Amino acid sequence: MTGADASTDRERGRRLRQILREHPAPSEALGAAGLIDGIPEHTALARTPQDPTWHPEGDVLVHSLWAADLAAEHAERTDASPDLRERLVLAALWHDIGKPDTTRPRKGRITSYGHAERGAEIAQDLGARLDLPPALVRAVAEIIANHMAHVGIQGAPSAKAVRRLAHRLTEAGTSLEEWAVVVRCDGDARGAAARPDASIPWLTVANRHLA
């Protein structure tokens, strides 16, 4: 598959969906289909550095493609439906799509404050431009907007916080369980800087209080 004929955003969107739903290694297929160079929001990820303390694996594109591959592996392992696979892989691929607009050097470090919220906005605009299904875009944007919800919380989150997050996700057509997959892929796609799965405390509280 080459990107030679993907001359319109609608065609790029069609090819993207095919990869999200079917390909075992999205990182390879996206490049072969011209969907890195052909989509400016993807190209921008490669120009955006990350703080090596938290992301020794490299730039935002390297991290995002790795996360997408991990989401695809999860979908294969759990025999996810094509629709679920598509949501998980796209949310993983785009979870940091707001970093090019928010990355700044601060006191010798590289930061990207607000990238989750900005990423949700970009996902909505990009999804519409690529003619992706509105329900898919809404679900993915909500996961992106909340993929940093666990940051800054010491220990287990409160039942109220988990309930509030679960409600937002459900209203958008996704779930806490799908959010957890993306959080896990985000964490694991950091190589040597990977941390314990940050979604586990949230799922534990959900099982105790929301079941």
N, C-alpha and C. Protein backbone atom coordinates (compact mmCIF):
# COMPACT_ATOMS: atom_id res chain seq x y z
N MET A 1 0.85 -1.20 0.00
CA MET A 1 0.00 0.00 0.00
C MET A 1 0.88 1.24 0.00
N THR A 2 0.66 2.14 -0.91
CA THR A 2 1.42 3.38 -0.96
C THR A 2 0.48 4.55 -0.81
N GLY A 3 1.06 5.71 -0.54
CA GLY A 3 0.23 6.90 -0.36
C GLY A 3 0.04 7.69 -1.63
N ALA A 4 0.44 7.13 -2.77
CA ALA A 4 0.43 7.91 -4.01
C ALA A 4 -0.96 8.39 -4.40
N ASP A 5 -1.98 7.57 -4.13
CA ASP A 5 -3.32 7.93 -4.55
C ASP A 5 -4.13 8.63 -3.46
N ALA A 6 -3.56 8.77 -2.26
CA ALA A 6 -4.28 9.39 -1.15
C ALA A 6 -4.15 10.90 -1.27
N SER A 7 -4.82 11.45 -2.27
CA SER A 7 -4.64 12.87 -2.59
C SER A 7 -5.67 13.77 -1.91
N THR A 8 -6.65 13.19 -1.27
CA THR A 8 -7.66 13.99 -0.59
C THR A 8 -7.75 13.56 0.87
N ASP A 9 -8.25 14.45 1.71
CA ASP A 9 -8.39 14.12 3.13
C ASP A 9 -9.37 12.97 3.33
N ARG A 10 -10.41 12.92 2.51
CA ARG A 10 -11.37 11.81 2.64
C ARG A 10 -10.70 10.48 2.36
N GLU A 11 -9.85 10.43 1.34
CA GLU A 11 -9.14 9.19 1.02
C GLU A 11 -8.14 8.85 2.11
N ARG A 12 -7.48 9.86 2.66
CA ARG A 12 -6.56 9.60 3.77
C ARG A 12 -7.32 9.03 4.97
N GLY A 13 -8.49 9.59 5.20
CA GLY A 13 -9.31 9.08 6.30
C GLY A 13 -9.74 7.65 6.07
N ARG A 14 -10.10 7.32 4.84
CA ARG A 14 -10.50 5.95 4.53
C ARG A 14 -9.36 4.98 4.75
N ARG A 15 -8.16 5.36 4.31
CA ARG A 15 -6.99 4.50 4.49
C ARG A 15 -6.61 4.39 5.96
N LEU A 16 -6.73 5.50 6.68
CA LEU A 16 -6.43 5.47 8.11
C LEU A 16 -7.35 4.48 8.81
N ARG A 17 -8.63 4.54 8.52
CA ARG A 17 -9.59 3.65 9.17
C ARG A 17 -9.27 2.19 8.87
N GLN A 18 -8.89 1.90 7.65
CA GLN A 18 -8.55 0.52 7.29
C GLN A 18 -7.38 0.02 8.13
N ILE A 19 -6.37 0.85 8.31
CA ILE A 19 -5.21 0.47 9.11
C ILE A 19 -5.61 0.28 10.57
N LEU A 20 -6.37 1.22 11.10
CA LEU A 20 -6.78 1.15 12.50
C LEU A 20 -7.55 -0.14 12.78
N ARG A 21 -8.37 -0.55 11.86
CA ARG A 21 -9.25 -1.68 12.07
C ARG A 21 -8.61 -3.04 11.76
N GLU A 22 -7.53 -3.03 10.96
CA GLU A 22 -7.04 -4.31 10.45
C GLU A 22 -5.56 -4.59 10.67
N HIS A 23 -4.74 -3.58 10.67
CA HIS A 23 -3.29 -3.84 10.57
C HIS A 23 -2.68 -4.19 11.93
N PRO A 24 -1.89 -5.26 12.01
CA PRO A 24 -1.27 -5.64 13.29
C PRO A 24 -0.16 -4.71 13.74
N ALA A 25 0.43 -3.95 12.82
CA ALA A 25 1.50 -3.01 13.16
C ALA A 25 1.20 -1.66 12.51
N PRO A 26 0.33 -0.86 13.13
CA PRO A 26 -0.06 0.43 12.54
C PRO A 26 1.12 1.33 12.21
N SER A 27 2.16 1.30 13.02
CA SER A 27 3.30 2.20 12.79
C SER A 27 3.91 1.98 11.42
N GLU A 28 4.00 0.73 10.98
CA GLU A 28 4.55 0.43 9.66
C GLU A 28 3.58 0.84 8.56
N ALA A 29 2.32 0.50 8.75
CA ALA A 29 1.33 0.74 7.70
C ALA A 29 1.07 2.22 7.48
N LEU A 30 1.09 3.01 8.53
CA LEU A 30 0.83 4.45 8.38
C LEU A 30 1.89 5.11 7.51
N GLY A 31 3.15 4.74 7.73
CA GLY A 31 4.21 5.30 6.91
C GLY A 31 4.11 4.84 5.47
N ALA A 32 3.84 3.55 5.27
CA ALA A 32 3.76 3.00 3.92
C ALA A 32 2.60 3.61 3.14
N ALA A 33 1.53 3.99 3.84
CA ALA A 33 0.36 4.56 3.18
C ALA A 33 0.46 6.07 2.99
N GLY A 34 1.57 6.66 3.38
CA GLY A 34 1.73 8.10 3.25
C GLY A 34 0.93 8.90 4.25
N LEU A 35 0.56 8.28 5.37
CA LEU A 35 -0.30 8.94 6.34
C LEU A 35 0.46 9.60 7.49
N ILE A 36 1.79 9.60 7.40
CA ILE A 36 2.59 10.42 8.31
C ILE A 36 2.89 11.74 7.61
N ASP A 37 3.56 11.64 6.45
CA ASP A 37 3.89 12.86 5.70
C ASP A 37 2.65 13.54 5.13
N GLY A 38 1.59 12.77 4.87
CA GLY A 38 0.42 13.34 4.23
C GLY A 38 -0.57 14.01 5.17
N ILE A 39 -0.36 13.89 6.46
CA ILE A 39 -1.24 14.53 7.44
C ILE A 39 -0.39 15.45 8.31
N PRO A 40 -0.52 16.75 8.16
CA PRO A 40 0.37 17.68 8.86
C PRO A 40 0.41 17.48 10.37
N GLU A 41 -0.71 17.13 10.96
CA GLU A 41 -0.74 16.93 12.42
C GLU A 41 0.13 15.75 12.84
N HIS A 42 0.26 14.76 11.96
CA HIS A 42 1.17 13.65 12.24
C HIS A 42 2.62 14.07 12.04
N THR A 43 2.88 14.77 10.95
CA THR A 43 4.24 15.23 10.67
C THR A 43 4.77 16.10 11.81
N ALA A 44 3.91 16.92 12.39
CA ALA A 44 4.32 17.82 13.46
C ALA A 44 4.82 17.06 14.68
N LEU A 45 4.32 15.84 14.89
CA LEU A 45 4.74 15.06 16.04
C LEU A 45 6.23 14.73 15.98
N ALA A 46 6.73 14.51 14.76
CA ALA A 46 8.15 14.18 14.59
C ALA A 46 9.06 15.36 14.87
N ARG A 47 8.51 16.57 14.81
CA ARG A 47 9.31 17.78 15.07
C ARG A 47 9.22 18.21 16.53
N THR A 48 8.51 17.44 17.34
CA THR A 48 8.27 17.85 18.72
C THR A 48 9.06 16.97 19.68
N PRO A 49 10.04 17.56 20.37
CA PRO A 49 10.84 16.77 21.30
C PRO A 49 10.09 16.51 22.60
N GLN A 50 10.60 15.57 23.39
CA GLN A 50 10.05 15.28 24.70
C GLN A 50 11.17 15.28 25.72
N ASP A 51 10.82 15.51 26.96
CA ASP A 51 11.82 15.49 28.03
C ASP A 51 12.36 14.07 28.17
N PRO A 52 13.67 13.89 28.00
CA PRO A 52 14.23 12.53 28.02
C PRO A 52 14.09 11.84 29.37
N THR A 53 13.85 12.59 30.43
CA THR A 53 13.63 11.95 31.73
C THR A 53 12.38 11.09 31.70
N TRP A 54 11.34 11.60 31.06
CA TRP A 54 10.06 10.89 31.00
C TRP A 54 9.88 10.11 29.71
N HIS A 55 10.58 10.55 28.66
CA HIS A 55 10.42 9.92 27.35
C HIS A 55 11.77 9.69 26.68
N PRO A 56 12.55 8.74 27.18
CA PRO A 56 13.85 8.46 26.56
C PRO A 56 13.73 7.82 25.18
N GLU A 57 12.50 7.41 24.82
CA GLU A 57 12.32 6.72 23.53
C GLU A 57 12.45 7.64 22.34
N GLY A 58 12.27 8.97 22.54
CA GLY A 58 12.43 9.89 21.42
C GLY A 58 11.33 10.91 21.32
N ASP A 59 11.09 11.38 20.11
CA ASP A 59 10.13 12.46 19.88
C ASP A 59 8.69 11.96 20.03
N VAL A 60 7.74 12.86 19.86
CA VAL A 60 6.33 12.51 20.08
C VAL A 60 5.82 11.51 19.04
N LEU A 61 6.33 11.57 17.81
CA LEU A 61 5.89 10.61 16.81
C LEU A 61 6.35 9.20 17.18
N VAL A 62 7.59 9.06 17.58
CA VAL A 62 8.10 7.74 18.00
C VAL A 62 7.21 7.18 19.11
N HIS A 63 6.93 7.99 20.10
CA HIS A 63 6.11 7.57 21.24
C HIS A 63 4.69 7.22 20.80
N SER A 64 4.10 8.03 19.96
CA SER A 64 2.71 7.83 19.55
C SER A 64 2.55 6.58 18.69
N LEU A 65 3.48 6.34 17.78
CA LEU A 65 3.41 5.14 16.95
C LEU A 65 3.60 3.89 17.79
N TRP A 66 4.47 3.95 18.77
CA TRP A 66 4.68 2.82 19.67
C TRP A 66 3.39 2.54 20.46
N ALA A 67 2.77 3.60 20.97
CA ALA A 67 1.52 3.43 21.70
C ALA A 67 0.43 2.82 20.82
N ALA A 68 0.36 3.25 19.56
CA ALA A 68 -0.62 2.70 18.64
C ALA A 68 -0.38 1.21 18.40
N ASP A 69 0.87 0.82 18.25
CA ASP A 69 1.19 -0.59 18.08
C ASP A 69 0.79 -1.40 19.31
N LEU A 70 1.02 -0.85 20.49
CA LEU A 70 0.64 -1.55 21.71
C LEU A 70 -0.88 -1.71 21.81
N ALA A 71 -1.61 -0.67 21.38
CA ALA A 71 -3.07 -0.77 21.39
C ALA A 71 -3.54 -1.84 20.41
N ALA A 72 -2.90 -1.91 19.25
CA ALA A 72 -3.25 -2.95 18.28
C ALA A 72 -2.95 -4.34 18.84
N GLU A 73 -1.84 -4.47 19.54
CA GLU A 73 -1.50 -5.75 20.16
C GLU A 73 -2.56 -6.14 21.20
N HIS A 74 -3.01 -5.16 21.98
CA HIS A 74 -4.06 -5.43 22.96
C HIS A 74 -5.33 -5.89 22.26
N ALA A 75 -5.69 -5.22 21.18
CA ALA A 75 -6.90 -5.58 20.45
C ALA A 75 -6.80 -7.01 19.90
N GLU A 76 -5.64 -7.37 19.38
CA GLU A 76 -5.44 -8.73 18.87
C GLU A 76 -5.56 -9.74 20.00
N ARG A 77 -4.91 -9.43 21.11
CA ARG A 77 -4.87 -10.37 22.24
C ARG A 77 -6.24 -10.60 22.86
N THR A 78 -7.07 -9.58 22.86
CA THR A 78 -8.38 -9.67 23.49
C THR A 78 -9.50 -9.94 22.49
N ASP A 79 -9.13 -10.14 21.22
CA ASP A 79 -10.13 -10.40 20.17
C ASP A 79 -11.18 -9.29 20.13
N ALA A 80 -10.71 -8.04 20.16
CA ALA A 80 -11.61 -6.89 20.14
C ALA A 80 -12.33 -6.79 18.80
N SER A 81 -13.53 -6.25 18.83
CA SER A 81 -14.28 -6.02 17.60
C SER A 81 -13.56 -4.95 16.77
N PRO A 82 -13.82 -4.91 15.47
CA PRO A 82 -13.20 -3.87 14.64
C PRO A 82 -13.49 -2.45 15.14
N ASP A 83 -14.71 -2.20 15.61
CA ASP A 83 -15.05 -0.87 16.10
C ASP A 83 -14.24 -0.51 17.34
N LEU A 84 -14.14 -1.45 18.27
CA LEU A 84 -13.37 -1.21 19.49
C LEU A 84 -11.90 -1.04 19.16
N ARG A 85 -11.39 -1.90 18.31
CA ARG A 85 -9.99 -1.79 17.90
C ARG A 85 -9.70 -0.42 17.31
N GLU A 86 -10.61 0.06 16.47
CA GLU A 86 -10.42 1.36 15.82
C GLU A 86 -10.34 2.47 16.86
N ARG A 87 -11.24 2.46 17.83
CA ARG A 87 -11.22 3.50 18.88
C ARG A 87 -9.93 3.46 19.67
N LEU A 88 -9.51 2.28 20.08
CA LEU A 88 -8.32 2.15 20.93
C LEU A 88 -7.06 2.58 20.19
N VAL A 89 -6.91 2.12 18.96
CA VAL A 89 -5.68 2.42 18.21
C VAL A 89 -5.63 3.90 17.85
N LEU A 90 -6.76 4.48 17.46
CA LEU A 90 -6.75 5.90 17.12
C LEU A 90 -6.51 6.76 18.35
N ALA A 91 -7.13 6.42 19.47
CA ALA A 91 -6.91 7.19 20.69
C ALA A 91 -5.44 7.10 21.13
N ALA A 92 -4.84 5.93 20.99
CA ALA A 92 -3.43 5.78 21.33
C ALA A 92 -2.55 6.58 20.37
N LEU A 93 -2.86 6.52 19.09
CA LEU A 93 -2.08 7.25 18.09
C LEU A 93 -2.16 8.76 18.31
N TRP A 94 -3.33 9.25 18.66
CA TRP A 94 -3.55 10.69 18.78
C TRP A 94 -3.49 11.21 20.22
N HIS A 95 -3.17 10.38 21.20
CA HIS A 95 -3.29 10.85 22.59
C HIS A 95 -2.42 12.06 22.89
N ASP A 96 -1.29 12.20 22.20
CA ASP A 96 -0.40 13.35 22.41
C ASP A 96 -0.39 14.31 21.23
N ILE A 97 -1.44 14.31 20.44
CA ILE A 97 -1.44 15.15 19.24
C ILE A 97 -1.49 16.64 19.57
N GLY A 98 -1.77 16.97 20.82
CA GLY A 98 -1.75 18.36 21.25
C GLY A 98 -0.37 18.85 21.65
N LYS A 99 0.63 17.98 21.71
CA LYS A 99 1.96 18.41 22.16
C LYS A 99 2.65 19.41 21.24
N PRO A 100 2.55 19.29 19.92
CA PRO A 100 3.22 20.30 19.09
C PRO A 100 2.79 21.73 19.42
N ASP A 101 1.54 21.93 19.80
CA ASP A 101 1.04 23.27 20.12
C ASP A 101 1.35 23.71 21.54
N THR A 102 1.75 22.80 22.40
CA THR A 102 1.89 23.14 23.83
C THR A 102 3.28 22.90 24.40
N THR A 103 4.18 22.33 23.62
CA THR A 103 5.51 22.01 24.13
C THR A 103 6.37 23.28 24.24
N ARG A 104 6.94 23.45 25.42
CA ARG A 104 7.76 24.64 25.70
C ARG A 104 8.96 24.23 26.56
N PRO A 105 10.11 24.90 26.39
CA PRO A 105 11.21 24.71 27.33
C PRO A 105 10.95 25.52 28.60
N ARG A 106 11.11 24.91 29.74
CA ARG A 106 10.89 25.60 31.01
C ARG A 106 11.95 25.16 32.02
N LYS A 107 12.81 26.11 32.39
CA LYS A 107 13.82 25.86 33.41
C LYS A 107 14.65 24.61 33.12
N GLY A 108 15.07 24.50 31.87
CA GLY A 108 15.92 23.39 31.48
C GLY A 108 15.18 22.09 31.21
N ARG A 109 13.86 22.09 31.27
CA ARG A 109 13.07 20.90 30.99
C ARG A 109 12.15 21.16 29.78
N ILE A 110 11.59 20.12 29.26
CA ILE A 110 10.62 20.24 28.17
C ILE A 110 9.24 19.89 28.74
N THR A 111 8.30 20.82 28.61
CA THR A 111 6.97 20.60 29.17
C THR A 111 5.90 20.72 28.07
N SER A 112 4.72 20.21 28.37
CA SER A 112 3.60 20.30 27.42
C SER A 112 2.30 20.44 28.20
N TYR A 113 2.25 21.43 29.07
CA TYR A 113 1.06 21.64 29.88
C TYR A 113 -0.15 21.94 28.99
N GLY A 114 -1.26 21.27 29.30
CA GLY A 114 -2.48 21.49 28.54
C GLY A 114 -2.57 20.70 27.25
N HIS A 115 -1.64 19.77 27.03
CA HIS A 115 -1.66 19.07 25.74
C HIS A 115 -2.85 18.13 25.60
N ALA A 116 -3.37 17.62 26.70
CA ALA A 116 -4.52 16.72 26.60
C ALA A 116 -5.75 17.47 26.10
N GLU A 117 -6.01 18.62 26.69
CA GLU A 117 -7.16 19.42 26.29
C GLU A 117 -7.00 19.92 24.85
N ARG A 118 -5.81 20.39 24.52
CA ARG A 118 -5.57 20.86 23.16
C ARG A 118 -5.66 19.69 22.18
N GLY A 119 -5.19 18.54 22.59
CA GLY A 119 -5.25 17.38 21.73
C GLY A 119 -6.67 16.97 21.39
N ALA A 120 -7.57 17.10 22.36
CA ALA A 120 -8.98 16.77 22.09
C ALA A 120 -9.56 17.70 21.04
N GLU A 121 -9.19 18.97 21.10
CA GLU A 121 -9.66 19.93 20.09
C GLU A 121 -9.13 19.58 18.71
N ILE A 122 -7.84 19.26 18.65
CA ILE A 122 -7.23 18.91 17.36
C ILE A 122 -7.86 17.64 16.81
N ALA A 123 -8.10 16.66 17.67
CA ALA A 123 -8.70 15.40 17.23
C ALA A 123 -10.07 15.63 16.62
N GLN A 124 -10.85 16.51 17.21
CA GLN A 124 -12.18 16.81 16.67
C GLN A 124 -12.07 17.46 15.29
N ASP A 125 -11.17 18.42 15.16
CA ASP A 125 -11.01 19.11 13.87
C ASP A 125 -10.44 18.17 12.81
N LEU A 126 -9.42 17.41 13.18
CA LEU A 126 -8.78 16.51 12.24
C LEU A 126 -9.73 15.38 11.84
N GLY A 127 -10.45 14.85 12.82
CA GLY A 127 -11.40 13.79 12.51
C GLY A 127 -12.46 14.24 11.53
N ALA A 128 -12.95 15.46 11.70
CA ALA A 128 -13.95 16.00 10.77
C ALA A 128 -13.33 16.19 9.39
N ARG A 129 -12.10 16.69 9.34
CA ARG A 129 -11.45 16.92 8.04
C ARG A 129 -11.22 15.61 7.29
N LEU A 130 -10.91 14.55 8.02
CA LEU A 130 -10.67 13.25 7.40
C LEU A 130 -11.96 12.47 7.16
N ASP A 131 -13.07 13.08 7.51
CA ASP A 131 -14.38 12.47 7.31
C ASP A 131 -14.54 11.18 8.10
N LEU A 132 -14.00 11.16 9.32
CA LEU A 132 -14.18 10.01 10.20
C LEU A 132 -15.57 10.07 10.83
N PRO A 133 -16.13 8.93 11.23
CA PRO A 133 -17.45 8.93 11.84
C PRO A 133 -17.51 9.81 13.08
N PRO A 134 -18.50 10.68 13.21
CA PRO A 134 -18.58 11.57 14.38
C PRO A 134 -18.55 10.84 15.71
N ALA A 135 -19.19 9.67 15.79
CA ALA A 135 -19.20 8.93 17.05
C ALA A 135 -17.79 8.48 17.42
N LEU A 136 -17.01 8.05 16.44
CA LEU A 136 -15.63 7.65 16.68
C LEU A 136 -14.82 8.84 17.16
N VAL A 137 -14.96 9.96 16.49
CA VAL A 137 -14.19 11.16 16.84
C VAL A 137 -14.53 11.64 18.25
N ARG A 138 -15.81 11.63 18.59
CA ARG A 138 -16.21 12.08 19.92
C ARG A 138 -15.62 11.19 21.00
N ALA A 139 -15.68 9.88 20.82
CA ALA A 139 -15.14 8.96 21.82
C ALA A 139 -13.63 9.12 21.97
N VAL A 140 -12.94 9.19 20.85
CA VAL A 140 -11.48 9.33 20.89
C VAL A 140 -11.07 10.66 21.52
N ALA A 141 -11.76 11.74 21.18
CA ALA A 141 -11.44 13.05 21.75
C ALA A 141 -11.61 13.04 23.26
N GLU A 142 -12.61 12.34 23.76
CA GLU A 142 -12.83 12.30 25.20
C GLU A 142 -11.73 11.52 25.91
N ILE A 143 -11.30 10.43 25.31
CA ILE A 143 -10.17 9.70 25.90
C ILE A 143 -8.93 10.58 25.92
N ILE A 144 -8.67 11.26 24.81
CA ILE A 144 -7.50 12.14 24.74
C ILE A 144 -7.58 13.23 25.80
N ALA A 145 -8.74 13.85 25.94
CA ALA A 145 -8.89 14.95 26.90
C ALA A 145 -8.62 14.51 28.32
N ASN A 146 -8.82 13.22 28.60
CA ASN A 146 -8.71 12.72 29.97
C ASN A 146 -7.56 11.75 30.20
N HIS A 147 -6.67 11.61 29.22
CA HIS A 147 -5.64 10.59 29.38
C HIS A 147 -4.59 10.95 30.43
N MET A 148 -4.63 12.18 30.92
CA MET A 148 -3.72 12.59 32.00
C MET A 148 -4.45 12.73 33.34
N ALA A 149 -5.66 12.25 33.43
CA ALA A 149 -6.48 12.43 34.63
C ALA A 149 -5.81 11.83 35.87
N HIS A 150 -5.00 10.82 35.68
CA HIS A 150 -4.37 10.15 36.82
C HIS A 150 -3.17 10.91 37.36
N VAL A 151 -2.64 11.84 36.59
CA VAL A 151 -1.41 12.54 36.99
C VAL A 151 -1.70 13.46 38.18
N GLY A 152 -0.81 13.44 39.15
CA GLY A 152 -0.94 14.32 40.30
C GLY A 152 -1.77 13.75 41.43
N ILE A 153 -2.33 12.56 41.24
CA ILE A 153 -3.13 11.94 42.31
C ILE A 153 -2.27 10.91 43.02
N GLN A 154 -2.10 11.11 44.30
CA GLN A 154 -1.30 10.21 45.12
C GLN A 154 -2.19 9.09 45.64
N GLY A 155 -1.75 7.85 45.43
CA GLY A 155 -2.54 6.73 45.90
C GLY A 155 -3.78 6.52 45.05
N ALA A 156 -4.81 5.97 45.68
CA ALA A 156 -6.03 5.67 44.94
C ALA A 156 -6.87 6.92 44.75
N PRO A 157 -7.52 7.08 43.61
CA PRO A 157 -8.42 8.21 43.40
C PRO A 157 -9.68 8.02 44.23
N SER A 158 -10.39 9.08 44.45
CA SER A 158 -11.66 8.99 45.17
C SER A 158 -12.73 8.36 44.29
N ALA A 159 -13.72 7.78 44.93
CA ALA A 159 -14.84 7.21 44.17
C ALA A 159 -15.52 8.29 43.34
N LYS A 160 -15.58 9.50 43.89
CA LYS A 160 -16.20 10.60 43.17
C LYS A 160 -15.44 10.92 41.89
N ALA A 161 -14.11 10.95 41.97
CA ALA A 161 -13.29 11.25 40.79
C ALA A 161 -13.46 10.17 39.73
N VAL A 162 -13.49 8.93 40.15
CA VAL A 162 -13.64 7.83 39.21
C VAL A 162 -15.03 7.86 38.58
N ARG A 163 -16.03 8.12 39.39
CA ARG A 163 -17.41 8.18 38.89
C ARG A 163 -17.55 9.31 37.87
N ARG A 164 -16.95 10.46 38.16
CA ARG A 164 -17.03 11.60 37.26
C ARG A 164 -16.35 11.29 35.92
N LEU A 165 -15.17 10.68 35.97
CA LEU A 165 -14.46 10.32 34.75
C LEU A 165 -15.24 9.28 33.96
N ALA A 166 -15.72 8.27 34.64
CA ALA A 166 -16.48 7.21 33.96
C ALA A 166 -17.72 7.78 33.28
N HIS A 167 -18.37 8.74 33.93
CA HIS A 167 -19.57 9.35 33.35
C HIS A 167 -19.22 10.11 32.08
N ARG A 168 -18.15 10.90 32.12
CA ARG A 168 -17.75 11.66 30.93
C ARG A 168 -17.45 10.73 29.76
N LEU A 169 -16.74 9.66 30.05
CA LEU A 169 -16.37 8.73 29.00
C LEU A 169 -17.59 8.01 28.43
N THR A 170 -18.46 7.57 29.31
CA THR A 170 -19.67 6.88 28.86
C THR A 170 -20.54 7.79 28.01
N GLU A 171 -20.68 9.03 28.44
CA GLU A 171 -21.49 9.98 27.67
C GLU A 171 -20.93 10.20 26.26
N ALA A 172 -19.63 10.03 26.11
CA ALA A 172 -18.99 10.24 24.81
C ALA A 172 -18.93 8.96 23.96
N GLY A 173 -19.46 7.87 24.49
CA GLY A 173 -19.49 6.64 23.70
C GLY A 173 -18.30 5.74 23.90
N THR A 174 -17.57 5.94 25.00
CA THR A 174 -16.44 5.07 25.31
C THR A 174 -16.60 4.60 26.75
N SER A 175 -15.53 4.24 27.42
CA SER A 175 -15.65 3.69 28.76
C SER A 175 -14.36 3.85 29.55
N LEU A 176 -14.46 3.64 30.84
CA LEU A 176 -13.28 3.69 31.70
C LEU A 176 -12.29 2.59 31.31
N GLU A 177 -12.81 1.45 30.90
CA GLU A 177 -11.94 0.34 30.49
C GLU A 177 -11.15 0.68 29.23
N GLU A 178 -11.78 1.37 28.28
CA GLU A 178 -11.07 1.77 27.07
C GLU A 178 -10.04 2.86 27.39
N TRP A 179 -10.43 3.79 28.24
CA TRP A 179 -9.48 4.82 28.71
C TRP A 179 -8.26 4.16 29.33
N ALA A 180 -8.50 3.11 30.13
CA ALA A 180 -7.41 2.43 30.83
C ALA A 180 -6.43 1.80 29.85
N VAL A 181 -6.92 1.26 28.74
CA VAL A 181 -6.03 0.67 27.75
C VAL A 181 -5.10 1.73 27.18
N VAL A 182 -5.64 2.90 26.86
CA VAL A 182 -4.82 3.96 26.30
C VAL A 182 -3.81 4.47 27.31
N VAL A 183 -4.22 4.62 28.56
CA VAL A 183 -3.29 5.04 29.63
C VAL A 183 -2.16 4.03 29.75
N ARG A 184 -2.50 2.76 29.68
CA ARG A 184 -1.49 1.70 29.79
C ARG A 184 -0.52 1.75 28.61
N CYS A 185 -1.06 1.93 27.41
CA CYS A 185 -0.20 2.00 26.22
C CYS A 185 0.71 3.23 26.27
N ASP A 186 0.18 4.35 26.74
CA ASP A 186 0.96 5.57 26.90
C ASP A 186 2.14 5.31 27.84
N GLY A 187 1.87 4.68 28.97
CA GLY A 187 2.93 4.41 29.93
C GLY A 187 3.97 3.43 29.42
N ASP A 188 3.52 2.38 28.74
CA ASP A 188 4.45 1.35 28.28
C ASP A 188 5.29 1.83 27.10
N ALA A 189 4.80 2.83 26.35
CA ALA A 189 5.54 3.32 25.19
C ALA A 189 6.60 4.35 25.57
N ARG A 190 7.14 4.19 26.77
CA ARG A 190 8.21 5.06 27.23
C ARG A 190 9.51 4.30 27.44
N GLY A 191 9.51 3.05 27.08
CA GLY A 191 10.73 2.27 27.20
C GLY A 191 11.25 2.22 28.62
N ALA A 192 12.49 2.65 28.80
CA ALA A 192 13.14 2.57 30.10
C ALA A 192 12.45 3.41 31.16
N ALA A 193 11.65 4.38 30.75
CA ALA A 193 10.97 5.25 31.71
C ALA A 193 9.55 4.77 32.03
N ALA A 194 9.19 3.57 31.56
CA ALA A 194 7.85 3.04 31.81
C ALA A 194 7.61 2.92 33.31
N ARG A 195 6.39 3.22 33.71
CA ARG A 195 6.00 3.15 35.11
C ARG A 195 4.91 2.09 35.28
N PRO A 196 4.61 1.69 36.53
CA PRO A 196 3.48 0.77 36.75
C PRO A 196 2.20 1.34 36.14
N ASP A 197 1.33 0.47 35.70
CA ASP A 197 0.09 0.85 35.03
C ASP A 197 -0.72 1.81 35.90
N ALA A 198 -0.82 3.06 35.45
CA ALA A 198 -1.50 4.09 36.23
C ALA A 198 -3.01 3.94 36.23
N SER A 199 -3.55 3.09 35.36
CA SER A 199 -5.00 2.92 35.31
C SER A 199 -5.52 1.95 36.36
N ILE A 200 -4.65 1.12 36.91
CA ILE A 200 -5.10 0.07 37.82
C ILE A 200 -5.83 0.62 39.04
N PRO A 201 -5.31 1.66 39.74
CA PRO A 201 -6.06 2.18 40.89
C PRO A 201 -7.45 2.67 40.51
N TRP A 202 -7.61 3.23 39.33
CA TRP A 202 -8.91 3.73 38.88
C TRP A 202 -9.87 2.58 38.62
N LEU A 203 -9.36 1.54 37.98
CA LEU A 203 -10.21 0.38 37.73
C LEU A 203 -10.57 -0.33 39.02
N THR A 204 -9.65 -0.37 39.97
CA THR A 204 -9.92 -1.01 41.27
C THR A 204 -11.03 -0.28 42.00
N VAL A 205 -10.94 1.05 42.04
CA VAL A 205 -11.99 1.83 42.69
C VAL A 205 -13.31 1.66 41.97
N ALA A 206 -13.27 1.63 40.66
CA ALA A 206 -14.50 1.45 39.88
C ALA A 206 -15.15 0.11 40.20
N ASN A 207 -14.36 -0.94 40.30
CA ASN A 207 -14.90 -2.25 40.60
C ASN A 207 -15.53 -2.31 41.98
N ARG A 208 -15.00 -1.52 42.91
CA ARG A 208 -15.52 -1.53 44.28
C ARG A 208 -16.76 -0.67 44.43
N HIS A 209 -16.79 0.45 43.74
CA HIS A 209 -17.84 1.43 44.00
C HIS A 209 -18.83 1.65 42.86
N LEU A 210 -18.49 1.23 41.66
CA LEU A 210 -19.36 1.51 40.52
C LEU A 210 -20.00 0.25 39.95
N ALA A 211 -19.63 -0.91 40.47
CA ALA A 211 -20.16 -2.16 39.92
C ALA A 211 -21.66 -2.28 40.24
